[in-house]
N, C-alpha and C. Protein backbone atom coordinates (compact mmCIF):
# COMPACT_ATOMS: atom_id res chain seq x y z
N MET A 1 1.09 5.32 -25.06
CA MET A 1 1.37 4.54 -23.72
C MET A 1 2.03 5.35 -22.73
N THR A 2 3.09 6.21 -23.34
CA THR A 2 3.67 7.37 -22.39
C THR A 2 2.82 8.17 -21.50
N VAL A 3 1.80 8.52 -22.26
CA VAL A 3 0.57 9.42 -21.45
C VAL A 3 -0.01 8.68 -20.21
N VAL A 4 -0.22 7.33 -20.49
CA VAL A 4 -0.79 6.60 -19.65
C VAL A 4 0.08 6.26 -18.23
N LEU A 5 1.13 5.94 -18.64
CA LEU A 5 2.43 5.78 -17.70
C LEU A 5 2.38 7.06 -16.93
N LEU A 6 2.49 8.27 -17.52
CA LEU A 6 2.56 9.37 -16.64
C LEU A 6 1.47 9.64 -15.86
N ALA A 7 0.05 9.48 -16.42
CA ALA A 7 -0.89 9.66 -15.55
C ALA A 7 -1.02 8.73 -14.28
N ALA A 8 -0.71 7.49 -14.50
CA ALA A 8 -0.55 6.32 -13.57
C ALA A 8 0.49 6.80 -12.66
N GLY A 9 1.62 7.17 -12.89
CA GLY A 9 2.65 7.62 -12.01
C GLY A 9 2.18 9.12 -11.15
N ALA A 10 1.54 9.76 -11.86
CA ALA A 10 0.95 10.98 -10.87
C ALA A 10 0.06 10.78 -10.01
N MET A 11 -1.08 9.73 -10.30
CA MET A 11 -2.03 9.19 -9.65
C MET A 11 -1.22 8.36 -8.15
N PHE A 12 -0.58 7.71 -8.65
CA PHE A 12 0.52 6.94 -7.59
C PHE A 12 1.22 7.89 -6.50
N SER A 13 1.66 8.70 -7.10
CA SER A 13 2.35 9.91 -6.35
C SER A 13 1.51 10.50 -5.31
N PHE A 14 0.38 10.82 -6.02
CA PHE A 14 -0.74 11.52 -5.19
C PHE A 14 -1.19 10.47 -3.75
N ALA A 15 -1.19 9.30 -4.12
CA ALA A 15 -1.80 8.31 -3.18
C ALA A 15 -0.65 7.86 -2.22
N VAL A 16 0.43 8.29 -2.82
CA VAL A 16 1.70 7.62 -1.66
C VAL A 16 1.68 8.89 -0.80
N PHE A 17 1.80 10.53 -1.41
CA PHE A 17 1.85 11.54 -0.49
C PHE A 17 0.64 11.48 0.47
N ALA A 18 -0.63 11.05 0.17
CA ALA A 18 -1.64 11.17 0.78
C ALA A 18 -1.55 10.35 1.91
N ALA A 19 -1.16 9.08 1.81
CA ALA A 19 -0.81 7.85 2.71
C ALA A 19 0.31 8.55 3.74
N LEU A 20 1.47 9.06 3.40
CA LEU A 20 2.27 9.53 4.20
C LEU A 20 1.94 10.78 5.26
N VAL A 21 1.03 11.56 4.58
CA VAL A 21 0.63 12.72 5.30
C VAL A 21 -0.29 11.81 6.54
N ARG A 22 -1.20 10.85 6.22
CA ARG A 22 -1.92 10.44 7.12
C ARG A 22 -1.25 9.67 8.16
N ILE A 23 -0.16 8.83 7.71
CA ILE A 23 0.86 8.41 8.65
C ILE A 23 1.46 9.09 9.73
N VAL A 24 1.75 9.94 8.98
CA VAL A 24 2.63 11.42 10.22
C VAL A 24 1.46 12.22 10.99
N ARG A 25 0.31 12.47 10.54
CA ARG A 25 -0.69 13.15 11.23
C ARG A 25 -1.80 12.48 11.81
N GLY A 26 -1.86 11.27 11.71
CA GLY A 26 -3.01 10.48 12.06
C GLY A 26 -3.46 10.48 13.36
N PRO A 27 -4.72 10.95 13.95
CA PRO A 27 -4.64 10.94 15.12
C PRO A 27 -4.73 9.59 16.04
N SER A 28 -4.99 8.58 15.64
CA SER A 28 -4.95 7.12 16.33
C SER A 28 -4.06 6.32 15.58
N ILE A 29 -3.89 5.31 16.14
CA ILE A 29 -2.87 4.04 15.61
C ILE A 29 -3.63 3.44 14.46
N LEU A 30 -5.18 3.39 14.41
CA LEU A 30 -5.93 2.80 13.37
C LEU A 30 -5.79 3.42 12.09
N ASP A 31 -5.65 5.00 12.16
CA ASP A 31 -5.63 5.83 11.17
C ASP A 31 -4.08 5.57 10.37
N ARG A 32 -3.15 5.10 11.16
CA ARG A 32 -1.83 5.16 10.57
C ARG A 32 -1.46 3.63 10.09
N VAL A 33 -2.22 2.71 10.66
CA VAL A 33 -2.32 1.59 10.03
C VAL A 33 -3.04 1.42 8.71
N ILE A 34 -4.00 1.92 8.68
CA ILE A 34 -4.94 2.07 7.33
C ILE A 34 -3.93 2.59 6.43
N ALA A 35 -3.27 3.61 6.89
CA ALA A 35 -2.56 4.66 5.70
C ALA A 35 -1.46 3.74 5.27
N ALA A 36 -0.61 3.06 6.22
CA ALA A 36 0.36 2.00 5.95
C ALA A 36 -0.29 0.85 4.90
N ASP A 37 -1.50 0.40 4.89
CA ASP A 37 -2.01 -0.55 4.15
C ASP A 37 -2.30 0.03 2.94
N VAL A 38 -2.69 1.25 2.67
CA VAL A 38 -2.91 2.03 1.41
C VAL A 38 -1.61 2.20 0.87
N LEU A 39 -0.53 2.81 1.58
CA LEU A 39 0.71 2.58 1.03
C LEU A 39 1.33 1.43 0.37
N THR A 40 1.08 0.40 1.26
CA THR A 40 1.69 -0.97 0.47
C THR A 40 0.85 -1.21 -0.63
N ALA A 41 -0.42 -1.22 -0.75
CA ALA A 41 -1.35 -1.38 -1.90
C ALA A 41 -0.91 -0.74 -3.04
N THR A 42 -0.67 0.79 -2.87
CA THR A 42 0.04 1.51 -3.99
C THR A 42 1.30 1.09 -4.25
N LEU A 43 2.14 0.66 -3.56
CA LEU A 43 3.29 0.05 -3.97
C LEU A 43 3.16 -1.18 -4.92
N VAL A 44 2.42 -2.00 -4.47
CA VAL A 44 1.83 -3.00 -5.30
C VAL A 44 1.40 -2.95 -6.65
N CYS A 45 0.55 -1.96 -6.67
CA CYS A 45 -0.06 -1.47 -8.13
C CYS A 45 1.09 -0.81 -8.83
N TRP A 46 1.93 -0.08 -8.12
CA TRP A 46 2.80 0.51 -8.83
C TRP A 46 3.87 -0.70 -9.49
N LEU A 47 4.28 -1.55 -8.77
CA LEU A 47 4.93 -2.82 -9.19
C LEU A 47 4.43 -3.45 -10.43
N GLY A 48 3.03 -3.46 -10.41
CA GLY A 48 2.16 -4.18 -11.29
C GLY A 48 2.41 -3.54 -12.75
N VAL A 49 2.12 -1.96 -12.31
CA VAL A 49 2.48 -1.11 -13.70
C VAL A 49 3.84 -1.44 -14.15
N TRP A 50 4.75 -1.12 -13.59
CA TRP A 50 6.36 -1.25 -14.02
C TRP A 50 6.47 -2.84 -14.60
N MET A 51 6.01 -3.53 -14.38
CA MET A 51 5.97 -5.01 -14.84
C MET A 51 5.55 -4.90 -16.29
N VAL A 52 4.16 -4.26 -16.22
CA VAL A 52 3.37 -4.40 -17.57
C VAL A 52 4.01 -3.52 -18.67
N ALA A 53 4.57 -2.35 -18.03
CA ALA A 53 5.49 -1.42 -18.94
C ALA A 53 6.48 -2.07 -19.34
N ASN A 54 7.45 -2.77 -18.79
CA ASN A 54 8.83 -3.13 -19.05
C ASN A 54 8.48 -4.53 -19.64
N ARG A 55 7.54 -5.27 -19.90
CA ARG A 55 7.30 -6.62 -19.98
C ARG A 55 8.19 -7.56 -19.38
N ASP A 56 8.25 -7.56 -17.99
CA ASP A 56 9.28 -8.40 -17.31
C ASP A 56 8.50 -8.61 -15.86
N THR A 57 8.66 -10.06 -15.69
CA THR A 57 7.95 -10.19 -14.49
C THR A 57 8.90 -10.84 -13.41
N SER A 58 9.82 -10.41 -13.57
CA SER A 58 11.07 -10.54 -12.51
C SER A 58 10.67 -10.21 -10.97
N LEU A 59 10.01 -9.13 -11.01
CA LEU A 59 9.44 -8.62 -9.85
C LEU A 59 8.18 -9.29 -9.24
N MET A 60 7.59 -10.36 -9.82
CA MET A 60 6.57 -10.99 -9.13
C MET A 60 6.80 -11.48 -7.62
N PRO A 61 7.80 -11.96 -7.42
CA PRO A 61 8.08 -12.52 -5.87
C PRO A 61 7.97 -11.19 -4.98
N VAL A 62 8.59 -10.20 -5.51
CA VAL A 62 8.36 -8.92 -4.45
C VAL A 62 7.13 -8.60 -4.48
N LEU A 63 6.24 -8.72 -5.64
CA LEU A 63 4.78 -8.01 -5.19
C LEU A 63 3.89 -8.97 -4.55
N ILE A 64 4.39 -10.05 -4.67
CA ILE A 64 3.49 -11.32 -3.71
C ILE A 64 3.88 -11.07 -2.31
N ALA A 65 5.19 -10.93 -2.22
CA ALA A 65 5.47 -10.74 -0.70
C ALA A 65 4.94 -9.45 -0.24
N LEU A 66 4.98 -8.42 -0.83
CA LEU A 66 4.38 -7.04 -0.40
C LEU A 66 2.59 -7.02 -0.21
N ALA A 67 2.09 -8.22 -1.00
CA ALA A 67 0.75 -8.06 -0.83
C ALA A 67 0.55 -9.25 0.30
N LEU A 68 1.26 -10.07 0.69
CA LEU A 68 1.19 -10.74 1.65
C LEU A 68 1.38 -10.14 2.98
N PHE A 69 2.37 -9.39 3.05
CA PHE A 69 2.81 -8.52 4.17
C PHE A 69 1.48 -7.44 4.71
N ALA A 70 0.89 -6.92 3.52
CA ALA A 70 -0.07 -6.24 3.84
C ALA A 70 -1.42 -6.93 4.46
N VAL A 71 -1.65 -8.26 3.85
CA VAL A 71 -2.78 -8.73 4.46
C VAL A 71 -2.34 -9.29 5.72
N VAL A 72 -1.33 -9.75 6.19
CA VAL A 72 -1.00 -10.12 7.49
C VAL A 72 -0.95 -8.99 8.44
N GLY A 73 -0.52 -7.90 7.92
CA GLY A 73 -0.67 -6.72 9.04
C GLY A 73 -1.86 -6.25 9.12
N SER A 74 -2.53 -6.33 8.03
CA SER A 74 -4.39 -5.78 8.73
C SER A 74 -4.86 -6.84 9.57
N VAL A 75 -4.76 -8.16 9.16
CA VAL A 75 -5.43 -9.18 10.06
C VAL A 75 -4.94 -8.98 11.22
N SER A 76 -3.64 -8.74 11.65
CA SER A 76 -2.98 -8.62 13.10
C SER A 76 -3.37 -7.64 13.83
N THR A 77 -3.45 -6.21 12.88
CA THR A 77 -4.00 -5.20 13.56
C THR A 77 -5.45 -5.37 14.10
N ALA A 78 -5.96 -5.80 13.08
CA ALA A 78 -7.87 -6.17 13.53
C ALA A 78 -7.78 -7.06 14.66
N ARG A 79 -7.16 -8.05 14.90
CA ARG A 79 -7.15 -8.91 16.18
C ARG A 79 -6.48 -8.08 17.03
N PHE A 80 -5.66 -7.33 17.14
CA PHE A 80 -5.16 -6.47 18.09
C PHE A 80 -5.89 -5.61 18.60
N MET A 81 -6.91 -4.77 17.59
CA MET A 81 -7.66 -3.98 18.25
C MET A 81 -9.05 -4.67 19.04
N VAL A 82 -9.44 -5.90 18.33
CA VAL A 82 -10.56 -6.39 18.85
C VAL A 82 -10.20 -6.77 20.48
N GLY A 83 -8.82 -7.28 20.56
CA GLY A 83 -8.39 -7.55 21.86
C GLY A 83 -8.43 -6.39 22.88
N LYS A 84 -8.21 -5.18 22.17
CA LYS A 84 -8.13 -3.88 22.96
C LYS A 84 -9.35 -3.59 23.51
N GLU A 85 -10.29 -3.63 22.73
CA GLU A 85 -11.89 -3.33 23.11
C GLU A 85 -12.39 -4.24 24.22
N GLU A 86 -12.27 -5.38 24.46
CA GLU A 86 -12.84 -6.49 25.15
C GLU A 86 -11.95 -6.04 26.95
N ASP A 87 -10.74 -5.41 26.84
CA ASP A 87 -10.41 -5.07 28.21
C ASP A 87 -10.88 -3.99 28.56
């Protein structure tokens, strides 16, 4: 189980690093928003692994709130970008 957790931690660390690089270097606002969505999804997955590894579900409301935040952010960005194209 320890090897699996270390491998998952390494993959999550790489995903967070790649998303942060895209947030900083992203040429457009849409690249930055997608990277922030990837970062939020990575955090949700990390919390899920953390809860499974510790056999504790006390962080479930945090996980649900992060997932809801990601969905609302993506939808509002999509609506904003559609409004920008019509002008």
